[in-house]
Protein backbone atom coordinates (compact mmCIF):
# COMPACT_ATOMS: atom_id res chain seq x y z
CA MET A 1 -3.13 27.39 68.29
CA LYS A 2 -7.49 27.16 69.19
CA PRO A 3 -8.20 23.99 69.51
CA GLU A 4 -10.35 21.88 66.42
CA PRO A 5 -14.01 22.29 66.10
CA ARG A 6 -16.10 19.63 68.16
CA ILE A 7 -18.73 18.42 65.35
CA THR A 8 -20.96 15.95 65.96
CA VAL A 9 -22.62 13.71 62.91
CA ILE A 10 -25.87 11.77 63.56
CA GLY A 11 -26.90 10.20 60.37
CA SER A 12 -26.73 7.26 57.64
CA ILE A 13 -23.43 5.13 56.80
CA ASN A 14 -24.43 3.29 53.41
CA MET A 15 -22.05 1.60 50.73
CA ASP A 16 -22.70 3.31 47.61
CA LEU A 17 -23.58 1.03 44.81
CA VAL A 18 -21.86 3.50 42.03
CA VAL A 19 -23.64 2.74 38.20
CA ARG A 20 -21.71 4.70 35.21
CA CYS A 21 -23.75 5.46 32.28
CA ASP A 22 -24.24 7.77 29.54
CA SER A 23 -27.81 8.22 30.67
CA LEU A 24 -29.89 8.03 33.25
CA PRO A 25 -32.30 5.43 32.15
CA ARG A 26 -36.21 6.78 31.73
CA GLU A 27 -39.05 5.15 33.64
CA GLY A 28 -39.03 0.83 32.20
CA GLU A 29 -36.29 1.50 30.41
CA THR A 30 -32.66 -0.09 30.37
CA VAL A 31 -29.69 1.09 29.61
CA MET A 32 -25.99 -0.20 29.41
CA ALA A 33 -23.75 0.90 32.15
CA ASN A 34 -20.08 1.43 32.27
CA SER A 35 -18.86 0.54 34.80
CA VAL A 36 -19.69 0.10 38.45
CA SER A 37 -17.96 0.40 41.60
CA GLU A 38 -18.42 0.14 45.30
CA ILE A 39 -17.75 3.70 47.70
CA CYS A 40 -18.40 4.14 50.91
CA GLY A 41 -21.34 6.87 51.43
CA GLY A 42 -24.26 7.92 53.47
CA LYS A 43 -25.22 11.21 53.74
CA GLY A 44 -24.59 10.91 57.38
CA ALA A 45 -20.75 9.50 56.92
CA ASN A 46 -20.04 11.71 54.05
CA GLN A 47 -20.48 15.13 56.08
CA ALA A 48 -18.89 13.58 59.05
CA VAL A 49 -15.40 13.07 56.31
CA ALA A 50 -16.47 16.20 55.04
CA ALA A 51 -16.26 17.94 58.34
CA ALA A 52 -13.01 15.74 58.89
CA ARG A 53 -10.86 16.60 56.13
CA ALA A 54 -11.97 20.31 56.80
CA GLY A 55 -10.21 20.86 59.82
CA GLY A 56 -12.45 19.48 62.22
CA SER A 57 -13.08 16.95 65.78
CA VAL A 58 -15.51 14.84 64.18
CA THR A 59 -17.74 12.05 66.20
CA MET A 60 -20.25 10.01 63.84
CA ILE A 61 -23.03 8.11 65.45
CA GLY A 62 -24.95 5.77 63.87
CA ARG A 63 -25.36 1.86 62.57
CA VAL A 64 -24.02 -0.53 60.94
CA GLY A 65 -25.40 -4.13 60.01
CA ASP A 66 -23.36 -7.95 60.59
CA ASP A 67 -22.80 -7.85 57.15
CA ALA A 68 -19.62 -7.64 54.76
CA PHE A 69 -19.81 -4.24 54.55
CA ALA A 70 -20.05 -2.98 58.26
CA GLU A 71 -16.07 -2.82 59.07
CA ARG A 72 -14.91 -1.35 56.16
CA LEU A 73 -17.72 1.01 56.64
CA VAL A 74 -16.25 1.72 59.97
CA GLY A 75 -13.37 1.22 59.00
CA ASN A 76 -13.31 4.01 55.62
CA LEU A 77 -14.51 6.69 58.69
CA ALA A 78 -11.70 5.72 60.99
CA ALA A 79 -9.13 6.30 58.67
CA HIS A 80 -10.56 9.47 57.62
CA GLY A 81 -9.73 10.38 61.60
CA VAL A 82 -13.81 9.99 62.36
CA ILE A 83 -14.26 9.20 65.79
CA CYS A 84 -16.15 6.02 65.95
CA ASN A 85 -17.04 4.96 69.11
CA ARG A 86 -20.46 5.49 68.66
CA ILE A 87 -21.64 3.03 65.83
CA PRO A 88 -22.77 -0.47 66.96
CA THR A 89 -23.37 -2.70 65.18
CA THR A 90 -26.94 -3.98 64.52
CA LYS A 91 -27.22 -8.40 64.61
CA ASN A 92 -29.43 -9.35 62.04
CA CYS A 93 -29.95 -6.64 59.65
CA ALA A 94 -27.91 -5.62 56.86
CA SER A 95 -25.68 -2.01 57.04
CA GLY A 96 -27.68 0.77 54.68
CA MET A 97 -26.73 0.37 50.54
CA ALA A 98 -27.76 3.12 48.23
CA VAL A 99 -27.79 2.45 44.69
CA VAL A 100 -26.48 5.88 42.78
CA ALA A 101 -26.42 5.92 39.16
CA VAL A 102 -24.55 8.84 37.42
CA ASN A 103 -24.36 10.36 33.77
CA ARG A 104 -21.80 11.30 31.41
CA LEU A 105 -22.74 15.13 32.86
CA GLY A 106 -22.32 14.27 36.01
CA GLN A 107 -26.15 14.45 37.09
CA ASN A 108 -27.16 11.46 39.75
CA SER A 109 -30.15 9.35 40.15
CA ILE A 110 -29.99 7.08 44.28
CA MET A 111 -32.14 4.59 45.37
CA VAL A 112 -31.65 4.58 49.12
CA VAL A 113 -31.71 0.79 51.12
CA PRO A 114 -31.67 2.27 54.90
CA GLY A 115 -31.13 -1.26 56.51
CA ALA A 116 -29.45 -0.32 59.99
CA ASN A 117 -30.04 2.87 59.50
CA ALA A 118 -33.36 2.53 60.89
CA ARG A 119 -32.60 1.11 63.45
CA VAL A 120 -30.94 4.31 64.97
CA THR A 121 -32.84 4.86 68.13
CA THR A 122 -33.55 7.78 70.77
CA ALA A 123 -32.20 5.51 73.42
CA ASP A 124 -28.66 5.43 70.67
CA ILE A 125 -29.24 9.38 70.70
CA LEU A 126 -29.96 9.73 74.72
CA ALA A 127 -26.80 7.27 75.21
CA ALA A 128 -24.60 9.44 73.50
CA ARG A 129 -26.24 13.46 75.34
CA ASP A 130 -22.46 13.82 76.63
CA VAL A 131 -21.31 14.17 73.42
CA ILE A 132 -23.95 16.12 71.57
CA ALA A 133 -23.22 18.57 74.55
CA ALA A 134 -20.12 18.83 74.61
CA SER A 135 -19.96 19.69 70.42
CA ASN A 136 -19.74 22.76 69.15
CA ILE A 137 -21.64 22.10 66.20
CA LEU A 138 -24.69 18.91 65.44
CA LEU A 139 -25.31 18.02 61.99
CA LEU A 140 -27.91 15.88 61.15
CA GLN A 141 -30.03 14.49 58.38
CA LEU A 142 -32.93 12.37 57.31
CA GLU A 143 -31.30 9.38 56.49
CA ILE A 144 -32.69 7.83 59.57
CA PRO A 145 -35.71 7.81 62.21
CA LEU A 146 -37.55 11.43 62.39
CA ASP A 147 -38.34 10.56 66.28
CA THR A 148 -34.43 9.87 66.40
CA VAL A 149 -33.47 13.23 64.78
CA LEU A 150 -36.15 15.30 67.21
CA ALA A 151 -34.62 13.90 70.12
CA ALA A 152 -31.54 14.69 69.26
CA ILE A 153 -32.54 18.56 68.34
CA ARG A 154 -33.71 18.90 71.59
CA ILE A 155 -30.52 17.23 73.81
CA ALA A 156 -28.55 19.81 71.65
CA ARG A 157 -31.01 22.85 72.19
CA ASP A 158 -30.73 22.25 75.97
CA ALA A 159 -26.72 22.06 75.79
CA GLN A 160 -26.95 25.50 73.50
CA VAL A 161 -25.26 23.56 70.95
CA ARG A 162 -26.21 24.95 67.13
CA VAL A 163 -27.68 22.48 65.09
CA ILE A 164 -27.39 21.93 61.29
CA LEU A 165 -30.12 20.15 59.22
CA ASP A 166 -29.77 19.19 55.91
CA PRO A 167 -33.10 17.99 55.03
CA ALA A 168 -32.27 15.11 52.64
CA PRO A 169 -34.48 13.71 51.46
CA ALA A 170 -37.27 16.05 52.09
CA VAL A 171 -40.95 14.47 53.09
CA HIS A 172 -44.32 16.47 52.92
CA LEU A 173 -45.52 15.74 55.96
CA TRP A 174 -43.06 16.08 58.80
CA PRO A 175 -43.30 17.43 62.26
CA GLU A 176 -42.47 21.87 61.98
CA GLU A 177 -39.92 20.99 64.73
CA LEU A 178 -37.36 20.02 62.59
CA LEU A 179 -37.24 23.54 61.31
CA GLN A 180 -36.31 24.67 64.71
CA VAL A 181 -33.02 24.54 63.85
CA ASP A 182 -29.78 27.41 63.59
CA LEU A 183 -29.48 26.66 60.29
CA LEU A 184 -31.55 24.36 58.23
CA CYS A 185 -29.11 23.72 54.49
CA PRO A 186 -32.08 21.95 51.71
CA ASN A 187 -31.29 21.73 48.07
CA GLU A 188 -34.09 23.52 44.94
CA SER A 189 -35.78 20.18 45.58
CA GLU A 190 -36.45 19.58 49.02
CA ALA A 191 -36.81 23.91 49.34
CA ALA A 192 -39.75 23.44 47.20
CA THR A 193 -41.21 20.61 48.88
CA LEU A 194 -40.69 22.06 52.37
CA SER A 195 -41.84 25.32 51.68
CA GLY A 196 -44.64 24.84 48.57
CA ALA A 197 -42.91 27.33 46.60
CA THR A 198 -41.74 26.51 43.20
CA VAL A 199 -38.14 27.21 43.20
CA GLY A 200 -37.70 27.51 39.44
CA ASN A 201 -34.42 30.66 39.35
CA LEU A 202 -33.23 33.08 41.94
CA GLU A 203 -36.06 35.25 42.99
CA ASP A 204 -38.04 32.10 43.46
CA ALA A 205 -34.71 30.20 45.56
CA ALA A 206 -34.92 33.85 47.38
CA HIS A 207 -38.77 33.78 48.47
CA ALA A 208 -38.94 30.39 49.39
CA ALA A 209 -35.32 30.89 51.85
CA GLY A 210 -37.66 33.76 53.37
CA LEU A 211 -40.65 31.37 53.69
CA LEU A 212 -38.41 28.34 55.52
CA HIS A 213 -37.14 31.13 57.90
CA GLU A 214 -40.52 32.34 59.01
CA ARG A 215 -41.73 28.96 59.28
CA GLY A 216 -38.61 28.25 62.11
CA ALA A 217 -35.29 27.96 60.53
CA ARG A 218 -33.03 30.65 62.23
CA ASN A 219 -30.86 30.66 59.10
CA VAL A 220 -31.35 29.47 55.36
CA ALA A 221 -28.89 28.42 53.37
CA LEU A 222 -30.31 27.27 49.84
CA THR A 223 -27.90 25.37 47.25
CA LEU A 224 -28.54 26.14 43.89
CA GLY A 225 -25.74 24.03 42.71
CA GLU A 226 -23.45 25.96 39.86
CA HIS A 227 -25.65 29.32 41.05
CA GLY A 228 -24.49 29.69 44.27
CA THR A 229 -26.16 29.45 47.59
CA MET A 230 -28.77 31.74 48.61
CA PHE A 231 -28.50 32.92 52.50
CA CYS A 232 -31.50 34.79 54.53
CA ASN A 233 -31.39 35.46 57.46
CA GLY A 234 -34.31 36.90 58.59
CA ARG A 235 -32.51 40.77 57.69
CA ASP A 236 -31.43 40.02 54.10
CA THR A 237 -31.47 37.66 51.49
CA THR A 238 -28.21 37.45 49.61
CA LEU A 239 -26.70 35.23 46.69
CA ILE A 240 -23.34 33.64 47.87
CA GLU A 241 -21.66 32.97 44.05
CA PRO A 242 -20.51 30.12 43.50
CA PHE A 243 -17.18 28.97 42.66
CA SER A 244 -16.79 27.46 38.77
CA VAL A 245 -15.50 24.18 38.04
CA SER A 246 -16.05 21.05 35.39
CA THR A 247 -18.84 19.07 36.75
CA VAL A 248 -17.99 14.97 36.99
CA ASP A 249 -20.07 13.98 40.27
CA THR A 250 -22.50 15.75 42.12
CA THR A 251 -22.96 13.16 44.31
CA ALA A 252 -21.44 14.34 47.74
CA ALA A 253 -21.69 18.07 46.82
CA GLY A 254 -24.37 18.73 49.46
CA ASP A 255 -22.32 16.78 52.14
CA ALA A 256 -18.86 18.40 51.96
CA PHE A 257 -20.91 22.04 51.85
CA ALA A 258 -23.11 21.00 55.34
CA GLY A 259 -19.66 18.93 56.64
CA ALA A 260 -17.46 22.20 55.73
CA LEU A 261 -19.90 24.76 56.87
CA ALA A 262 -19.95 23.34 60.03
CA VAL A 263 -15.97 23.23 60.69
CA CYS A 264 -16.01 27.14 59.40
CA TRP A 265 -19.21 28.36 61.26
CA SER A 266 -17.27 26.75 63.97
CA GLU A 267 -14.00 28.34 63.94
CA THR A 268 -15.22 32.11 62.80
CA ASN A 269 -18.84 32.25 64.38
CA ASP A 270 -19.81 34.13 61.19
CA LEU A 271 -22.38 31.97 58.70
CA ARG A 272 -21.82 34.49 55.69
CA GLN A 273 -17.92 33.49 55.64
CA ALA A 274 -18.68 29.91 56.27
CA VAL A 275 -21.60 29.48 53.43
CA ARG A 276 -18.58 30.48 51.12
CA PHE A 277 -16.22 28.24 52.22
CA ALA A 278 -19.11 25.99 52.12
CA ASN A 279 -19.46 26.83 48.38
CA ALA A 280 -15.83 25.45 47.49
CA ALA A 281 -15.68 22.49 49.46
CA GLY A 282 -19.05 21.90 47.40
CA ALA A 283 -17.80 22.59 44.16
CA LEU A 284 -14.20 20.73 44.65
CA ALA A 285 -16.35 17.36 45.40
CA ALA A 286 -18.46 18.03 42.48
CA SER A 287 -15.35 18.09 40.79
CA ARG A 288 -14.43 14.47 42.04
CA LEU A 289 -15.89 11.07 41.71
CA GLY A 290 -17.54 9.10 43.90
CA ALA A 291 -19.00 10.07 47.75
CA GLN A 292 -16.55 9.85 50.77
CA PRO A 293 -13.39 10.38 48.37
CA SER A 294 -14.13 13.09 46.74
CA MET A 295 -14.75 14.90 49.94
CA PRO A 296 -11.68 17.88 49.61
CA THR A 297 -8.80 18.58 52.47
CA ARG A 298 -8.94 21.45 54.64
CA THR A 299 -5.92 22.88 52.26
CA ASP A 300 -7.60 21.67 48.64
CA ILE A 301 -10.54 24.14 50.08
CA LEU A 302 -8.28 27.50 51.04
CA ALA A 303 -6.71 26.89 47.94
CA LEU A 304 -9.78 27.60 45.52
CA LEU A 305 -10.68 30.48 47.89
């Protein structure tokens, strides 16, 4: 029996306050909401849970505060099988929080308060060098400081560990070195921000993916929601078809995609197959409410495939 893929995730750990409403408020508008829930989230933590539920042996590197949410956040990760011995408590600091508004169509609007996530330092990364070097894949996002992300990329590169970067939230001014990864997996808006190109249709998506490859990403998987994923490896650009589901909440679909992709790529060494596996995971997550609670199991994913 093959050993479980070793995935290290470095990123944010948040408590999500999920507010369900009929329509998202416009600027200056007040709307009445239908419900509110406290759900463990954060892109890093979401992707760690997604990878663990997809079959990986996952270590999470990040920080929580010294507030009432901290124990719940770490305990929830551990309950999903994530290794949590690299998550220190940050004194005199709140844990990260996100306020997520979800409308009746499953579309969302999110505000994030970084809290302890902003205190994840290069020293934390250097202290975890051995964990990163022993991984099959390092999975990163941008809800922690950029210097910290770059330090992790450099350690992984030196150790010949593959790096997947989910460039969220995307920013206009950022070091080009961030694109020097084995796989970049932006969504449409992130790809537009990073490439400077409009992404309004499949042709635009193929063009943007090619631009990002030219700027340094070895491979690009541009997620297009219900339209699938535009995959570019420099030799060709291909649309990998989606799976049809009834959308309930898209909040964590991209995180489910990234976590599942890391596991399948580790196992098969076939990136196209991994993207298809990840498409199934993302579709299943979008058909359920919440972030980490929506992450599909390996059995769920294989059944949809």
